């Protein structure tokens, strides 16, 4: 199974304040909690994608984290995995 790693931001970070609907923020926090991360982390990841500065490795890590809740219910045979 894929194991997530934690990243430490060593660069200079700037605080930014945004305004949003309270219910929307609560829903976003709940989603982030369900993905085992903070809303701050989710926002940083979104900002990297929006700014176009994310790299392929970070995209892969993000995808694996977003799919971490998926559990296989059975093992697939070699034939099943190679079927087209």
Protein backbone atom coordinates (compact mmCIF):
# COMPACT_ATOMS: atom_id res chain seq x y z
CA UNK A 1 0.00 0.00 0.00
CA UNK A 2 1.18 3.55 -0.70
CA UNK A 3 2.55 5.36 2.30
CA UNK A 4 2.13 9.14 2.51
CA UNK A 5 5.03 11.27 3.56
CA UNK A 6 4.79 14.59 5.34
CA UNK A 7 6.41 17.62 3.76
CA UNK A 8 7.99 20.43 5.73
CA UNK A 9 7.85 23.89 4.17
CA UNK A 10 11.24 25.48 4.70
CA UNK A 11 10.70 28.55 2.54
CA UNK A 12 9.25 31.85 3.65
CA UNK A 13 5.51 31.55 4.11
CA UNK A 14 3.15 34.51 3.94
CA UNK A 15 -0.21 34.56 5.68
CA UNK A 16 -3.19 35.48 3.52
CA UNK A 17 -6.73 36.19 4.69
CA UNK A 18 -9.74 35.26 2.57
CA UNK A 19 -13.44 35.66 3.16
CA UNK A 20 -15.87 32.82 2.51
CA UNK A 21 -19.27 31.60 3.60
CA UNK A 22 -19.14 29.91 7.05
CA UNK A 23 -21.02 26.84 5.80
CA UNK A 24 -18.62 26.46 2.88
CA UNK A 25 -15.63 26.67 5.21
CA UNK A 26 -17.17 24.07 7.52
CA UNK A 27 -17.77 21.72 4.57
CA UNK A 28 -14.20 22.23 3.34
CA UNK A 29 -12.80 21.52 6.82
CA UNK A 30 -14.89 18.36 7.07
CA UNK A 31 -13.63 17.18 3.67
CA UNK A 32 -10.02 17.89 4.60
CA UNK A 33 -10.50 16.03 7.87
CA UNK A 34 -11.89 13.08 5.94
CA UNK A 35 -8.74 13.16 3.80
CA UNK A 36 -6.55 13.25 6.96
CA UNK A 37 -5.14 16.71 6.29
CA UNK A 38 -5.77 20.28 7.31
CA UNK A 39 -7.71 22.85 5.36
CA UNK A 40 -4.49 24.89 5.24
CA UNK A 41 -2.67 22.00 3.53
CA UNK A 42 -5.54 21.52 1.08
CA UNK A 43 -5.48 25.23 0.26
CA UNK A 44 -1.70 25.24 -0.30
CA UNK A 45 -2.05 22.31 -2.68
CA UNK A 46 -4.86 24.06 -4.55
CA UNK A 47 -2.82 27.27 -4.74
CA UNK A 48 0.17 25.38 -6.20
CA UNK A 49 -2.07 23.86 -8.89
CA UNK A 50 -3.80 27.18 -9.58
CA UNK A 51 -0.47 28.99 -9.91
CA UNK A 52 0.90 26.20 -12.09
CA UNK A 53 3.90 25.55 -9.86
CA UNK A 54 3.19 21.99 -8.75
CA UNK A 55 5.42 19.19 -9.98
CA UNK A 56 4.55 15.68 -11.09
CA UNK A 57 5.74 14.12 -7.82
CA UNK A 58 3.51 16.39 -5.78
CA UNK A 59 0.59 15.65 -8.10
CA UNK A 60 1.12 11.92 -7.60
CA UNK A 61 1.35 12.30 -3.81
CA UNK A 62 -1.82 14.38 -3.80
CA UNK A 63 -3.64 11.77 -5.88
CA UNK A 64 -2.53 8.96 -3.59
CA UNK A 65 -3.66 10.91 -0.51
CA UNK A 66 -7.03 11.61 -2.10
CA UNK A 67 -7.45 7.87 -2.79
CA UNK A 68 -6.16 6.67 0.60
CA UNK A 69 -9.70 5.83 1.72
CA UNK A 70 -10.08 3.25 -1.08
CA UNK A 71 -9.60 -0.33 0.12
CA UNK A 72 -9.44 -3.39 -2.11
CA UNK A 73 -12.04 -5.98 -1.19
CA UNK A 74 -10.21 -8.82 -2.92
CA UNK A 75 -7.00 -9.71 -4.73
CA UNK A 76 -7.13 -9.66 -8.53
CA UNK A 77 -5.64 -12.44 -10.64
CA UNK A 78 -2.86 -11.66 -13.07
CA UNK A 79 -5.29 -12.22 -15.96
CA UNK A 80 -7.82 -9.79 -14.47
CA UNK A 81 -5.18 -7.11 -13.98
CA UNK A 82 -3.97 -7.48 -17.58
CA UNK A 83 -7.41 -7.73 -19.18
CA UNK A 84 -8.24 -4.93 -21.57
